[in-house]
Amino acid sequence: MSLAESINTVQDRDLTLIFVDLALHPMLKVPAYFFEMTHTNTDEEIGRINLRAQTTSAIELYAGHIGYSVHMSYRGHHYAARS
């Protein structure tokens, strides 16, 4: 069983990560795991996060292996760091 097949959701207090897809990153063209961050109590989307599973010089120098976006109203709660 691959990592993608074994992950559905991960929960930490008020944060739930929902596995969305394992696919090529649209800009960086490397395999990436894509997750949606949602609020555990309301199921409201908090943002998105992706983990890039390979490396390139562009990733190492500029983009990094983790990408995230947190909606404005949820910023400051450390959701991306906790993800």
N, C-alpha and C. Protein backbone atom coordinates (compact mmCIF):
# COMPACT_ATOMS: atom_id res chain seq x y z
N MET A 1 0.85 -1.18 0.00
CA MET A 1 0.00 0.00 0.00
C MET A 1 0.90 1.24 0.00
N SER A 2 0.62 2.16 -0.90
CA SER A 2 1.40 3.40 -0.98
C SER A 2 0.94 4.39 0.09
N LEU A 3 1.76 5.41 0.31
CA LEU A 3 1.39 6.46 1.26
C LEU A 3 0.07 7.10 0.84
N ALA A 4 -0.09 7.36 -0.45
CA ALA A 4 -1.32 8.00 -0.93
C ALA A 4 -2.56 7.16 -0.63
N GLU A 5 -2.43 5.83 -0.71
CA GLU A 5 -3.57 4.95 -0.45
C GLU A 5 -3.89 4.85 1.05
N SER A 6 -2.87 5.04 1.90
CA SER A 6 -3.09 4.87 3.33
C SER A 6 -3.57 6.14 4.03
N ILE A 7 -3.47 7.29 3.37
CA ILE A 7 -3.86 8.55 3.98
C ILE A 7 -5.22 8.98 3.44
N ASN A 8 -6.15 9.21 4.33
CA ASN A 8 -7.42 9.82 3.95
C ASN A 8 -7.57 11.15 4.67
N THR A 9 -7.55 11.09 6.01
CA THR A 9 -7.62 12.30 6.81
C THR A 9 -6.69 12.19 8.01
N VAL A 10 -6.22 13.33 8.46
CA VAL A 10 -5.41 13.45 9.67
C VAL A 10 -6.02 14.59 10.47
N GLN A 11 -6.20 14.39 11.77
CA GLN A 11 -6.87 15.40 12.58
C GLN A 11 -6.02 15.81 13.77
N ASP A 12 -6.01 17.10 14.06
CA ASP A 12 -5.33 17.67 15.22
C ASP A 12 -6.21 18.78 15.78
N ARG A 13 -6.88 18.50 16.88
CA ARG A 13 -7.80 19.45 17.53
C ARG A 13 -8.78 20.04 16.51
N ASP A 14 -8.65 21.32 16.17
CA ASP A 14 -9.61 21.99 15.28
C ASP A 14 -9.20 21.95 13.81
N LEU A 15 -8.15 21.21 13.47
CA LEU A 15 -7.63 21.13 12.11
C LEU A 15 -7.76 19.71 11.57
N THR A 16 -8.32 19.58 10.38
CA THR A 16 -8.37 18.29 9.70
C THR A 16 -7.72 18.45 8.33
N LEU A 17 -6.80 17.53 8.00
CA LEU A 17 -6.21 17.48 6.67
C LEU A 17 -6.90 16.38 5.90
N ILE A 18 -7.37 16.70 4.71
CA ILE A 18 -8.03 15.73 3.86
C ILE A 18 -7.17 15.52 2.63
N PHE A 19 -6.77 14.27 2.40
CA PHE A 19 -5.98 13.95 1.21
C PHE A 19 -6.83 14.17 -0.03
N VAL A 20 -6.29 14.93 -0.99
CA VAL A 20 -7.02 15.24 -2.22
C VAL A 20 -6.48 14.45 -3.39
N ASP A 21 -5.14 14.44 -3.56
CA ASP A 21 -4.59 13.82 -4.77
C ASP A 21 -3.09 13.65 -4.65
N LEU A 22 -2.57 12.69 -5.39
CA LEU A 22 -1.14 12.55 -5.65
C LEU A 22 -0.99 12.77 -7.14
N ALA A 23 -0.36 13.87 -7.52
CA ALA A 23 -0.27 14.24 -8.93
C ALA A 23 0.97 15.10 -9.15
N LEU A 24 1.29 15.34 -10.42
CA LEU A 24 2.38 16.26 -10.72
C LEU A 24 1.99 17.67 -10.31
N HIS A 25 2.91 18.35 -9.66
CA HIS A 25 2.68 19.74 -9.31
C HIS A 25 2.56 20.53 -10.62
N PRO A 26 1.56 21.37 -10.78
CA PRO A 26 1.31 22.02 -12.06
C PRO A 26 2.45 22.93 -12.54
N MET A 27 3.17 23.55 -11.63
CA MET A 27 4.25 24.45 -12.04
C MET A 27 5.63 23.79 -11.97
N LEU A 28 5.84 22.97 -10.93
CA LEU A 28 7.18 22.43 -10.68
C LEU A 28 7.41 21.07 -11.33
N LYS A 29 6.34 20.43 -11.80
CA LYS A 29 6.41 19.17 -12.54
C LYS A 29 7.10 18.05 -11.79
N VAL A 30 6.86 17.97 -10.48
CA VAL A 30 7.32 16.85 -9.66
C VAL A 30 6.10 16.26 -8.96
N PRO A 31 6.16 14.99 -8.56
CA PRO A 31 5.03 14.41 -7.83
C PRO A 31 4.79 15.16 -6.53
N ALA A 32 3.53 15.37 -6.20
CA ALA A 32 3.20 16.10 -4.98
C ALA A 32 1.92 15.53 -4.37
N TYR A 33 1.88 15.51 -3.04
CA TYR A 33 0.69 15.13 -2.29
C TYR A 33 -0.08 16.41 -1.99
N PHE A 34 -1.35 16.45 -2.37
CA PHE A 34 -2.19 17.63 -2.18
C PHE A 34 -3.22 17.36 -1.08
N PHE A 35 -3.34 18.31 -0.13
CA PHE A 35 -4.27 18.20 0.98
C PHE A 35 -5.10 19.47 1.08
N GLU A 36 -6.31 19.31 1.58
CA GLU A 36 -7.18 20.44 1.93
C GLU A 36 -7.18 20.54 3.45
N MET A 37 -7.01 21.75 3.97
CA MET A 37 -7.10 21.99 5.40
C MET A 37 -8.53 22.46 5.69
N THR A 38 -9.21 21.78 6.62
CA THR A 38 -10.56 22.18 6.98
C THR A 38 -10.67 22.31 8.50
N HIS A 39 -11.64 23.11 8.93
CA HIS A 39 -11.91 23.26 10.36
C HIS A 39 -12.71 22.04 10.80
N THR A 40 -12.25 21.36 11.84
CA THR A 40 -12.86 20.12 12.30
C THR A 40 -14.32 20.29 12.69
N ASN A 41 -14.66 21.37 13.36
CA ASN A 41 -16.04 21.55 13.85
C ASN A 41 -17.01 22.01 12.78
N THR A 42 -16.55 22.82 11.82
CA THR A 42 -17.46 23.41 10.84
C THR A 42 -17.31 22.84 9.43
N ASP A 43 -16.27 22.07 9.18
CA ASP A 43 -15.93 21.55 7.85
C ASP A 43 -15.64 22.66 6.84
N GLU A 44 -15.44 23.87 7.32
CA GLU A 44 -15.11 25.00 6.45
C GLU A 44 -13.67 24.88 5.99
N GLU A 45 -13.42 25.18 4.71
CA GLU A 45 -12.06 25.11 4.19
C GLU A 45 -11.21 26.22 4.79
N ILE A 46 -10.05 25.84 5.32
CA ILE A 46 -9.09 26.78 5.89
C ILE A 46 -8.05 27.16 4.85
N GLY A 47 -7.68 26.20 4.02
CA GLY A 47 -6.66 26.43 3.00
C GLY A 47 -6.23 25.12 2.39
N ARG A 48 -5.07 25.15 1.74
CA ARG A 48 -4.54 23.97 1.07
C ARG A 48 -3.05 23.87 1.34
N ILE A 49 -2.54 22.63 1.27
CA ILE A 49 -1.12 22.40 1.48
C ILE A 49 -0.68 21.28 0.54
N ASN A 50 0.57 21.36 0.06
CA ASN A 50 1.09 20.27 -0.75
C ASN A 50 2.52 19.96 -0.36
N LEU A 51 2.86 18.69 -0.48
CA LEU A 51 4.19 18.19 -0.17
C LEU A 51 4.80 17.66 -1.45
N ARG A 52 5.88 18.28 -1.89
CA ARG A 52 6.55 17.89 -3.14
C ARG A 52 7.50 16.73 -2.86
N ALA A 53 7.29 15.61 -3.55
CA ALA A 53 7.96 14.36 -3.21
C ALA A 53 9.30 14.15 -3.91
N GLN A 54 9.70 15.02 -4.78
CA GLN A 54 11.01 14.96 -5.42
C GLN A 54 11.65 16.33 -5.33
N THR A 55 12.90 16.38 -5.74
CA THR A 55 13.60 17.66 -5.66
C THR A 55 14.16 18.06 -7.01
N THR A 56 14.27 19.35 -7.20
CA THR A 56 14.95 19.94 -8.34
C THR A 56 15.72 21.14 -7.81
N SER A 57 16.57 21.71 -8.62
CA SER A 57 17.30 22.90 -8.15
C SER A 57 16.33 24.06 -7.87
N ALA A 58 15.27 24.18 -8.66
CA ALA A 58 14.29 25.25 -8.43
C ALA A 58 13.59 25.06 -7.08
N ILE A 59 13.27 23.83 -6.74
CA ILE A 59 12.63 23.56 -5.45
C ILE A 59 13.60 23.86 -4.32
N GLU A 60 14.85 23.38 -4.45
CA GLU A 60 15.84 23.60 -3.40
C GLU A 60 16.18 25.07 -3.20
N LEU A 61 16.26 25.82 -4.29
CA LEU A 61 16.69 27.22 -4.19
C LEU A 61 15.55 28.21 -3.95
N TYR A 62 14.35 27.91 -4.44
CA TYR A 62 13.29 28.93 -4.43
C TYR A 62 11.97 28.47 -3.82
N ALA A 63 11.43 27.37 -4.29
CA ALA A 63 10.05 27.00 -3.94
C ALA A 63 9.92 26.23 -2.63
N GLY A 64 10.89 25.39 -2.31
CA GLY A 64 10.79 24.54 -1.12
C GLY A 64 9.93 23.32 -1.38
N HIS A 65 9.96 22.38 -0.45
CA HIS A 65 9.25 21.12 -0.61
C HIS A 65 7.82 21.17 -0.08
N ILE A 66 7.46 22.23 0.61
CA ILE A 66 6.10 22.37 1.14
C ILE A 66 5.51 23.68 0.64
N GLY A 67 4.32 23.59 0.06
CA GLY A 67 3.61 24.78 -0.38
C GLY A 67 2.29 24.87 0.35
N TYR A 68 1.85 26.07 0.68
CA TYR A 68 0.59 26.20 1.41
C TYR A 68 -0.07 27.53 1.11
N SER A 69 -1.37 27.55 1.35
CA SER A 69 -2.16 28.76 1.22
C SER A 69 -3.23 28.69 2.31
N VAL A 70 -3.30 29.73 3.14
CA VAL A 70 -4.29 29.79 4.21
C VAL A 70 -5.21 30.97 3.93
N HIS A 71 -6.52 30.74 3.97
CA HIS A 71 -7.48 31.81 3.73
C HIS A 71 -7.29 32.92 4.77
N MET A 72 -7.49 34.15 4.35
CA MET A 72 -7.23 35.34 5.16
C MET A 72 -7.85 35.26 6.56
N SER A 73 -9.08 34.84 6.65
CA SER A 73 -9.77 34.84 7.95
C SER A 73 -9.21 33.81 8.93
N TYR A 74 -8.38 32.87 8.46
CA TYR A 74 -7.81 31.84 9.33
C TYR A 74 -6.32 32.04 9.60
N ARG A 75 -5.74 33.08 9.06
CA ARG A 75 -4.31 33.32 9.28
C ARG A 75 -4.04 33.69 10.72
N GLY A 76 -2.84 33.35 11.19
CA GLY A 76 -2.44 33.66 12.56
C GLY A 76 -2.74 32.56 13.56
N HIS A 77 -3.30 31.44 13.10
CA HIS A 77 -3.63 30.34 13.99
C HIS A 77 -2.65 29.16 13.85
N HIS A 78 -1.61 29.33 13.04
CA HIS A 78 -0.56 28.31 12.84
C HIS A 78 -1.07 27.05 12.17
N TYR A 79 -2.12 27.15 11.35
CA TYR A 79 -2.66 25.97 10.69
C TYR A 79 -1.66 25.36 9.72
N ALA A 80 -0.96 26.15 8.94
CA ALA A 80 0.02 25.61 7.99
C ALA A 80 1.15 24.92 8.73
N ALA A 81 1.65 25.51 9.78
CA ALA A 81 2.74 24.90 10.56
C ALA A 81 2.28 23.59 11.19
N ARG A 82 1.06 23.54 11.67
CA ARG A 82 0.53 22.32 12.28
C ARG A 82 0.27 21.24 11.26
N SER A 83 0.01 21.64 10.01
CA SER A 83 -0.25 20.66 8.96
C SER A 83 1.00 19.88 8.66
